[in-house]
Protein backbone atom coordinates (compact mmCIF):
# COMPACT_ATOMS: atom_id res chain seq x y z
CA MET A 1 3.37 103.73 -20.93
CA ALA A 2 3.87 100.28 -22.34
CA ALA A 3 1.04 97.82 -21.92
CA ARG A 4 1.65 95.05 -19.43
CA ALA A 5 1.95 91.52 -20.71
CA PRO A 6 0.09 88.55 -19.15
CA HIS A 7 1.03 87.54 -15.61
CA GLY A 8 4.45 85.90 -15.39
CA SER A 9 5.45 86.52 -19.00
CA ASN A 10 7.65 89.51 -18.14
CA LYS A 11 9.75 87.44 -15.80
CA VAL A 12 10.19 84.72 -18.42
CA ALA A 13 11.04 87.26 -21.11
CA ALA A 14 13.51 89.05 -18.84
CA ARG A 15 15.16 85.77 -17.94
CA ARG A 16 15.47 84.82 -21.62
CA ALA A 17 16.76 88.26 -22.59
CA CYS A 18 19.30 88.04 -19.78
CA ALA A 19 20.49 84.71 -21.11
CA LEU A 20 20.77 86.21 -24.58
CA ARG A 21 23.12 88.97 -23.44
CA SER A 22 26.07 86.56 -23.24
CA PRO A 23 25.43 83.54 -25.42
CA CYS A 24 29.07 82.47 -25.26
CA ARG A 25 28.73 81.51 -21.56
CA CYS A 26 25.67 79.41 -22.35
CA CYS A 27 27.25 77.61 -25.29
CA ARG A 28 30.70 76.57 -24.06
CA SER A 29 29.78 72.92 -24.59
CA SER A 30 29.87 72.02 -28.29
CA LYS A 31 27.08 69.50 -27.73
CA MET A 32 24.76 72.25 -26.52
CA ALA A 33 25.76 74.93 -29.07
CA ALA A 34 23.25 74.09 -31.80
CA PRO A 35 20.29 73.36 -29.44
CA VAL A 36 20.90 76.59 -27.52
CA ALA A 37 21.04 78.62 -30.72
CA ALA A 38 17.81 77.01 -31.93
CA TRP A 39 16.21 77.74 -28.55
CA PHE A 40 17.31 81.37 -28.82
CA ARG A 41 15.71 81.79 -32.21
CA ALA A 42 12.50 79.99 -31.23
CA SER A 43 12.19 82.01 -28.04
CA ALA A 44 12.69 85.30 -29.85
CA SER A 45 10.10 84.36 -32.48
CA LEU A 46 7.62 83.44 -29.76
CA LEU A 47 8.25 86.69 -27.93
CA ARG A 48 7.77 88.75 -31.06
CA ALA A 49 4.52 86.94 -31.86
CA ARG A 50 3.04 87.39 -28.38
CA GLY A 51 4.48 90.84 -27.73
CA SER A 52 5.81 89.53 -24.40
CA PHE A 53 8.89 91.73 -24.08
CA PRO A 54 10.18 93.30 -20.86
CA ALA A 55 8.96 96.70 -19.82
CA ALA A 56 11.99 98.22 -21.56
CA GLY A 57 9.97 97.86 -24.78
CA ARG A 58 12.01 98.95 -27.78
CA ARG A 59 15.28 98.41 -25.96
CA GLY A 60 14.31 94.84 -25.09
CA ARG A 61 13.31 94.15 -28.67
CA SER A 62 16.59 95.45 -30.08
CA LEU A 63 18.56 93.48 -27.49
CA VAL A 64 16.82 90.24 -28.35
CA ASP A 65 17.16 90.85 -32.10
CA ALA A 66 20.87 91.72 -31.87
CA CYS A 67 21.68 88.72 -29.70
CA VAL A 68 19.75 86.31 -31.89
CA ARG A 69 21.44 87.64 -35.03
CA GLY A 70 24.86 87.44 -33.42
CA THR A 71 24.19 83.96 -32.06
CA GLY A 72 22.94 82.81 -35.45
CA ALA A 73 26.10 84.10 -37.12
CA TRP A 74 28.33 82.45 -34.50
CA LEU A 75 26.61 79.09 -34.73
CA SER A 76 25.88 78.87 -38.46
CA SER A 77 25.01 75.31 -39.33
CA ARG A 78 26.39 73.30 -42.22
CA ARG A 79 23.07 71.64 -42.92
CA PRO A 80 22.54 71.57 -46.72
CA TYR A 81 20.39 74.34 -48.10
CA VAL A 82 17.74 72.57 -50.15
CA ALA A 83 17.34 74.00 -53.63
CA ALA A 84 14.31 74.55 -55.77
CA ARG A 85 14.53 73.26 -59.27
CA PRO A 86 15.56 76.15 -61.55
CA GLY A 87 12.58 77.49 -63.45
CA SER A 88 10.13 75.21 -61.66
CA THR A 89 6.88 76.53 -60.24
CA ALA A 90 4.13 75.17 -58.08
CA SER A 91 0.45 75.77 -58.37
CA GLY A 92 -0.29 78.98 -56.52
CA GLY A 93 3.44 79.49 -55.86
CA GLY A 94 5.98 82.03 -57.09
CA SER A 95 8.18 82.18 -60.18
CA GLY A 96 11.90 81.68 -60.74
CA GLY A 97 12.50 85.47 -60.66
CA ALA A 98 10.82 85.79 -57.27
CA ALA A 99 12.94 82.91 -55.97
CA ASP A 100 16.15 84.59 -57.16
CA ARG A 101 15.11 87.87 -55.55
CA LEU A 102 14.33 86.17 -52.24
CA SER A 103 17.62 84.28 -52.43
CA GLU A 104 19.55 87.55 -52.85
CA GLU A 105 17.68 89.08 -49.92
CA PHE A 106 18.38 86.02 -47.81
CA LEU A 107 22.11 86.08 -48.57
CA ALA A 108 22.26 89.83 -47.93
CA GLN A 109 20.66 89.32 -44.51
CA GLN A 110 23.06 86.49 -43.72
CA LEU A 111 25.99 88.72 -44.70
CA ARG A 112 24.79 91.45 -42.34
CA ASP A 113 24.47 88.89 -39.54
CA TYR A 114 27.97 87.61 -40.32
CA GLU A 115 29.48 91.10 -40.10
CA LEU A 116 27.63 91.74 -36.85
CA GLY A 117 28.89 88.51 -35.34
CA ARG A 118 32.42 89.22 -36.55
CA ARG A 119 32.43 92.60 -34.79
CA HIS A 120 31.04 91.08 -31.61
CA LEU A 121 33.67 88.35 -31.73
CA ALA A 122 36.47 90.89 -32.27
CA ASN A 123 35.28 92.89 -29.25
CA MET A 124 35.13 89.74 -27.11
CA MET A 125 38.70 88.83 -28.07
CA GLY A 126 39.97 92.43 -27.66
CA GLU A 127 41.04 92.72 -31.29
CA ASP A 128 40.57 95.40 -33.94
CA GLU A 129 37.35 94.92 -35.91
CA GLU A 130 38.85 96.01 -39.23
CA SER A 131 41.81 93.61 -39.12
CA PHE A 132 39.83 90.65 -37.72
CA THR A 133 40.25 88.08 -40.52
CA GLN A 134 38.78 84.61 -41.03
CA GLU A 135 41.88 83.05 -39.51
CA HIS A 136 41.32 85.07 -36.33
CA ILE A 137 37.66 84.01 -36.35
CA ASP A 138 38.57 80.32 -36.54
CA LYS A 139 41.03 80.65 -33.65
CA ALA A 140 38.48 82.56 -31.57
CA ILE A 141 35.78 79.95 -32.21
CA GLU A 142 38.21 77.20 -31.22
CA TYR A 143 39.05 79.10 -28.02
CA LEU A 144 35.50 80.06 -27.04
CA PHE A 145 33.88 76.76 -28.07
CA PRO A 146 36.38 74.02 -27.22
CA SER A 147 35.10 70.87 -28.91
CA GLY A 148 36.24 67.29 -28.66
CA LEU A 149 33.79 65.99 -31.23
CA PHE A 150 35.38 63.64 -33.75
CA GLU A 151 33.04 64.64 -36.59
CA LYS A 152 34.25 68.01 -37.88
CA LYS A 153 30.84 68.84 -39.36
CA ALA A 154 29.36 68.82 -35.84
CA ARG A 155 31.78 71.43 -34.52
CA PRO A 156 30.68 75.08 -34.30
CA ILE A 157 31.88 77.25 -37.14
CA MET A 158 31.58 80.80 -38.39
CA LYS A 159 32.16 81.18 -42.12
CA HIS A 160 31.23 83.67 -44.79
CA PRO A 161 27.65 83.06 -46.04
CA GLU A 162 28.93 82.38 -49.56
CA GLU A 163 30.90 79.41 -48.18
CA ILE A 164 27.95 77.99 -46.25
CA PHE A 165 25.09 78.64 -48.68
CA PRO A 166 25.86 77.59 -52.29
CA LYS A 167 25.35 80.33 -54.85
CA GLN A 168 23.42 78.13 -57.26
CA LYS A 169 20.76 77.35 -54.65
CA VAL A 170 17.68 79.51 -54.20
CA ILE A 171 14.94 80.00 -51.65
CA GLN A 172 12.45 77.13 -51.49
CA TRP A 173 9.29 79.10 -50.86
CA GLY A 174 7.75 82.43 -51.70
CA GLU A 175 6.58 85.28 -49.57
CA ASP A 176 3.19 83.61 -49.18
CA GLY A 177 4.84 80.53 -47.65
CA ARG A 178 4.07 78.20 -50.57
CA PRO A 179 6.97 76.08 -51.85
CA PHE A 180 8.10 76.50 -55.46
CA HIS A 181 9.00 72.85 -55.99
CA TYR A 182 6.14 70.41 -56.41
CA LEU A 183 8.16 67.73 -54.54
CA PHE A 184 9.06 70.00 -51.63
CA TYR A 185 7.13 68.00 -49.03
CA THR A 186 8.96 64.77 -49.86
CA GLY A 187 11.95 66.21 -48.01
CA LYS A 188 14.26 65.32 -50.94
CA PRO A 189 12.93 67.21 -53.96
CA ASN A 190 16.17 67.16 -55.93
CA TYR A 191 16.69 63.42 -55.41
CA TYR A 192 13.17 62.47 -56.47
CA THR A 193 13.37 64.82 -59.45
CA LEU A 194 16.54 63.03 -60.53
CA MET A 195 14.90 59.62 -60.09
CA HIS A 196 11.88 60.74 -62.14
CA ASP A 197 14.17 61.97 -64.90
CA LEU A 198 16.14 58.72 -64.94
CA TYR A 199 12.97 56.64 -65.06
CA SER A 200 11.69 58.77 -67.96
CA GLN A 201 14.96 58.07 -69.75
CA LEU A 202 14.47 54.35 -69.09
CA LEU A 203 11.00 54.42 -70.64
CA GLN A 204 12.37 56.22 -73.71
CA VAL A 205 15.17 53.68 -74.04
CA GLU A 206 12.72 50.78 -73.85
CA ALA A 207 10.54 52.43 -76.49
CA GLU A 208 13.63 52.87 -78.69
CA GLU A 209 14.45 49.19 -78.24
CA ASP A 210 10.95 48.15 -79.36
CA LYS A 211 11.32 50.41 -82.38
CA MET A 212 14.69 48.90 -83.34
CA ARG A 213 13.43 45.35 -82.86
CA SER A 214 10.49 46.05 -85.15
CA LYS A 215 12.96 47.12 -87.84
CA GLY A 216 14.73 43.75 -87.65
CA TYR A 217 17.72 44.66 -85.47
CA THR A 218 19.02 41.88 -83.18
CA SER A 219 21.14 41.74 -80.05
CA GLY A 220 24.25 41.54 -82.23
CA ASP A 221 23.58 45.13 -83.33
CA ALA A 222 23.26 46.39 -79.77
CA LYS A 223 25.38 49.32 -78.60
CA PRO A 224 24.99 49.60 -74.82
CA VAL A 225 26.41 52.52 -72.89
CA ALA A 226 30.18 52.09 -72.64
CA LEU A 227 31.42 52.85 -69.14
CA PRO A 228 35.16 52.10 -69.36
CA SER A 229 37.50 53.04 -66.52
CA SER A 230 34.82 54.89 -64.58
CA ARG A 231 32.69 54.48 -61.47
CA TRP A 232 29.43 55.80 -60.11
CA VAL A 233 29.60 58.85 -57.90
CA THR A 234 29.77 57.95 -54.24
CA GLN A 235 26.94 58.66 -51.84
CA GLU A 236 28.80 61.66 -50.41
CA GLU A 237 29.42 63.08 -53.90
CA LEU A 238 25.78 62.60 -54.85
CA GLU A 239 24.65 64.31 -51.64
CA GLN A 240 26.94 67.23 -52.38
CA SER A 241 25.64 67.47 -55.94
CA LEU A 242 21.98 67.38 -54.89
CA ASN A 243 22.59 69.27 -51.64
CA GLU A 244 20.42 66.77 -49.76
CA GLN A 245 20.98 64.04 -47.21
CA LEU A 246 20.41 60.54 -48.65
CA SER A 247 20.14 57.15 -47.03
CA GLU A 248 21.96 54.04 -48.19
CA HIS A 249 18.68 52.73 -49.58
CA ASP A 250 18.21 55.88 -51.67
CA TYR A 251 21.72 55.64 -53.06
CA ALA A 252 21.29 51.92 -53.86
CA ARG A 253 18.07 52.68 -55.77
CA PHE A 254 19.89 55.34 -57.78
CA VAL A 255 22.72 52.95 -58.72
CA ARG A 256 20.32 50.14 -59.66
CA LEU A 257 18.34 52.43 -61.93
CA GLY A 258 21.53 53.72 -63.57
CA GLU A 259 22.83 50.18 -64.12
CA ARG A 260 19.51 49.18 -65.64
CA ILE A 261 19.66 52.02 -68.16
CA ALA A 262 23.31 51.26 -68.97
CA SER A 263 22.50 47.59 -69.69
CA GLN A 264 19.87 48.42 -72.31
CA PRO A 265 20.94 47.35 -75.84
CA PHE A 266 19.76 50.48 -77.66
CA PRO A 267 20.17 53.52 -75.37
CA THR A 268 19.37 57.00 -76.62
CA GLU A 269 21.92 59.80 -76.77
CA ALA A 270 20.10 61.68 -74.00
CA ALA A 271 20.35 58.61 -71.76
CA ARG A 272 24.09 58.36 -72.41
CA GLU A 273 24.64 61.98 -71.46
CA GLN A 274 22.48 61.61 -68.35
CA LEU A 275 24.46 58.60 -67.12
CA LEU A 276 27.88 60.08 -67.87
CA ARG A 277 27.00 63.03 -65.64
CA PHE A 278 27.11 60.67 -62.66
CA ARG A 279 30.19 58.70 -63.70
CA VAL A 280 33.68 59.59 -62.50
CA ALA A 281 36.64 58.62 -64.66
CA LEU A 282 39.21 56.42 -62.97
CA GLN A 283 42.84 57.27 -63.48
CA VAL A 284 44.63 54.24 -64.91
CA GLN A 285 47.72 53.75 -62.78
CA SER A 286 49.59 52.00 -65.58
CA GLN A 287 49.63 55.28 -67.50
CA GLN A 288 51.87 56.69 -64.77
CA GLN A 289 54.21 53.70 -64.94
CA GLU A 290 57.68 54.57 -66.20
CA ILE A 291 58.28 52.26 -69.16
CA PRO A 292 61.90 51.56 -70.13
CA GLU A 293 63.06 53.00 -73.43
CA ARG A 294 63.10 50.75 -76.47
CA ARG A 295 66.64 50.53 -77.86
CA VAL A 296 68.33 48.89 -80.84
CA ASP A 297 71.75 47.17 -80.76
CA GLN A 298 74.38 47.03 -83.51
CA GLU A 299 72.77 43.96 -85.05
CA GLY A 300 69.41 45.74 -85.34
CA ARG A 301 67.73 43.81 -82.52
CA ALA A 302 65.36 45.77 -80.27
CA TYR A 303 65.90 45.44 -76.53
CA SER A 304 65.17 47.14 -73.20
CA GLU A 305 66.96 47.31 -69.86
CA ALA A 306 65.59 47.55 -66.34
CA LEU A 307 66.70 47.30 -62.72
CA GLY A 308 65.00 45.20 -60.03
CA PHE A 309 65.37 44.95 -56.28
CA ARG A 310 64.40 42.52 -53.53
CA LYS A 311 65.70 42.77 -49.97
CA ARG A 312 69.45 43.44 -50.47
CA ALA A 313 69.62 41.84 -53.90
CA ARG A 314 69.99 43.96 -57.06
CA ALA A 315 69.39 42.71 -60.61
CA LYS A 316 69.89 44.20 -64.08
CA VAL A 317 68.02 42.57 -66.98
CA THR A 318 68.51 43.06 -70.72
CA LEU A 319 65.47 41.73 -72.59
CA TRP A 320 65.42 41.30 -76.38
CA GLU A 321 62.19 41.72 -78.30
CA SER A 322 62.64 38.52 -80.29
CA GLY A 323 64.32 35.31 -79.26
CA SER A 324 63.94 31.65 -78.44
CA GLY A 325 63.24 31.92 -74.71
CA LYS A 326 66.86 31.63 -73.51
CA VAL A 327 67.39 33.17 -70.05
CA THR A 328 70.88 33.41 -68.55
CA VAL A 329 71.76 34.56 -65.04
CA ASN A 330 75.37 35.64 -64.38
CA GLY A 331 76.53 33.66 -67.42
CA LEU A 332 74.66 30.46 -66.47
CA GLY A 333 71.31 29.12 -67.54
CA HIS A 334 68.54 29.94 -65.12
CA VAL A 335 68.01 26.20 -64.49
CA ASP A 336 71.63 25.79 -63.39
CA TYR A 337 71.80 29.03 -61.41
CA PHE A 338 68.53 28.43 -59.50
CA PRO A 339 68.36 24.73 -58.60
CA GLN A 340 65.15 25.17 -56.60
CA LEU A 341 61.92 24.92 -58.60
CA GLN A 342 60.25 27.68 -56.57
CA ASP A 343 62.93 30.22 -57.54
CA ARG A 344 62.69 29.28 -61.23
CA MET A 345 58.90 29.61 -61.18
CA GLN A 346 59.17 33.03 -59.54
CA LEU A 347 61.72 34.12 -62.16
CA MET A 348 59.60 33.09 -65.18
CA PHE A 349 56.23 34.24 -63.83
CA PRO A 350 56.18 37.67 -65.66
CA LEU A 351 56.69 35.95 -69.03
CA GLN A 352 54.06 33.36 -68.20
CA PHE A 353 51.55 36.01 -67.06
CA ALA A 354 51.95 38.00 -70.29
CA GLY A 355 51.86 34.87 -72.47
CA ARG A 356 55.39 35.48 -73.78
CA LEU A 357 57.15 32.25 -72.77
CA GLY A 358 59.70 31.33 -75.46
CA ALA A 359 59.31 34.68 -77.25
CA HIS A 360 62.15 36.69 -75.64
CA ASP A 361 65.80 36.23 -74.74
CA ALA A 362 67.08 37.70 -71.49
CA GLU A 363 70.48 38.28 -69.88
CA CYS A 364 70.46 38.90 -66.13
CA GLU A 365 73.15 40.17 -63.78
CA VAL A 366 72.27 39.78 -60.11
CA SER A 367 74.13 40.40 -56.87
CA GLY A 368 73.16 39.96 -53.25
CA VAL A 369 72.76 37.23 -50.67
CA GLY A 370 70.06 34.59 -50.85
CA SER A 371 68.62 32.71 -53.81
CA SER A 372 65.06 33.76 -53.00
CA ALA A 373 66.02 37.44 -52.87
CA GLN A 374 67.97 37.16 -56.12
CA ALA A 375 65.05 35.44 -57.86
CA GLY A 376 62.70 38.18 -56.66
CA ALA A 377 65.04 40.92 -57.92
CA VAL A 378 65.34 39.26 -61.34
CA ARG A 379 61.56 38.87 -61.55
CA HIS A 380 61.04 42.56 -60.74
CA ALA A 381 63.57 43.69 -63.37
CA LEU A 382 62.25 41.25 -65.98
CA ALA A 383 58.67 42.48 -65.51
CA LEU A 384 59.72 46.12 -65.87
CA ALA A 385 61.74 45.39 -69.03
CA LEU A 386 58.84 43.41 -70.51
CA THR A 387 56.48 46.45 -70.36
CA THR A 388 58.39 47.98 -73.29
CA PHE A 389 56.92 45.37 -75.66
CA LEU A 390 53.40 45.00 -74.20
CA GLU A 391 50.03 46.61 -74.89
CA PRO A 392 48.57 49.03 -72.29
CA HIS A 393 45.89 46.60 -71.08
CA LEU A 394 48.53 43.93 -70.38
CA ILE A 395 50.65 46.47 -68.49
CA GLU A 396 47.63 47.34 -66.34
CA GLY A 397 47.07 43.65 -65.64
CA MET A 398 50.69 43.22 -64.57
CA ARG A 399 50.39 46.24 -62.30
CA ARG A 400 47.29 44.81 -60.63
CA ALA A 401 49.09 41.48 -60.18
CA GLY A 402 51.87 43.30 -58.31
CA LEU A 403 54.62 42.47 -60.80
CA LEU A 404 55.67 46.08 -61.35
CA THR A 405 55.91 46.99 -57.66
CA LYS A 406 58.98 46.41 -55.57
CA ASP A 407 58.49 43.96 -52.73
CA GLN A 408 59.17 46.08 -49.64
CA ARG A 409 59.38 43.14 -47.25
CA THR A 410 62.74 42.75 -45.50
CA LYS A 411 64.17 40.57 -42.78
CA GLU A 412 62.94 41.60 -39.35
CA ARG A 413 65.74 42.60 -37.03
CA LYS A 414 66.74 40.69 -33.92
CA LYS A 415 65.37 42.17 -30.70
CA PRO A 416 67.53 42.70 -27.60
CA GLY A 417 66.78 40.30 -24.77
CA GLN A 418 65.55 37.51 -27.04
CA GLU A 419 67.09 34.92 -29.29
CA GLY A 420 65.79 36.24 -32.64
CA ALA A 421 63.27 38.57 -34.21
CA ARG A 422 60.36 36.76 -32.56
CA ARG A 423 61.91 33.75 -30.83
CA LYS A 424 62.50 34.02 -27.09
CA PHE A 425 65.18 32.34 -25.00
CA THR A 426 64.20 29.08 -23.39
CA TRP A 427 62.91 29.78 -19.91
CA LYS A 428 64.67 27.94 -17.11
CA LYS A 429 63.41 27.89 -13.60
CA ARG A 430 66.90 27.37 -12.12
């Protein structure tokens, strides 16, 4: 006969075991899903430690264990799995091989829990266990745990353990409970390891600078780290790389330390490689710009052609590589065709921006209503034709200035019941 537990504990254990039989009814609210799952696990651990199970004994234990495993698989969290530094050990702790072995055991246990939860979920939905795929799981979770939370990471999920727990991460502590990483109790071991490594690189760079200065090198011989067309990894990318949650202050400290190393006049090769690991190359948009083909006429003069648009105006520009700066529009000089100074300034702005005033001849054919629209169309076509004879850095500057992009603004239509697009009819009382 099973030994009786302390007074009142059987009732509490029975009540908790009863609640564990159908966790889906207790967790319909997405806000309560994670706390309820944590309460289930904590309660089961407490019951195992005290031996306070119902009189059913072995049956009660198996029921609690099965429900906790199923609930844990249903409500798997996306909280990052903190990694130990590969090959690192702590005094009195385990080795890298023990950590790998424990990691494999952990993932195997999680996989068993996942399969158990998948079968339970298939039975609850009345589906076949063998053909219950991940798509069916997602639909079942959405049906059983309706969530209106805006943050997707806070919604309950059930994924394969390999998707939740990264493969390159290992268990943090050994069988004796001692952590492998010597910075485990900081809460951010990977982050502080990275900061220690960067600071060590900074000290080496400063020592290299002292060595070069003693040999007579000056600032003119400096070769700082070149970081062209790249940016630092964002806070989210750094968190994903380290698998740890960082604050804005932590990220700012990381960027300041990286900028300090990059500004040193004589960086080491190791420092360059360390910094480039956390730099992301930016794709230069001008490289995707379609540049008009360079052509040659019968007289041997190089030229390019391009089309430009603005509102309902359409312009075609033929730009010669060499010339005296003569610009004609529909057979007339641009001064005669555009009497307003604003239109002439808009027309010549691409040449002025590139520093090519008086260096090219251009013939323009424009059609459409409105002098402002025609001037905008000619400017657009002239800028596109000019890219044929410019260097890549000037093309990128023109792109950033908006000269290579069509102006999408158009006239706003008149609205019914009012005098114009925005103007209302004059209100009269009588």
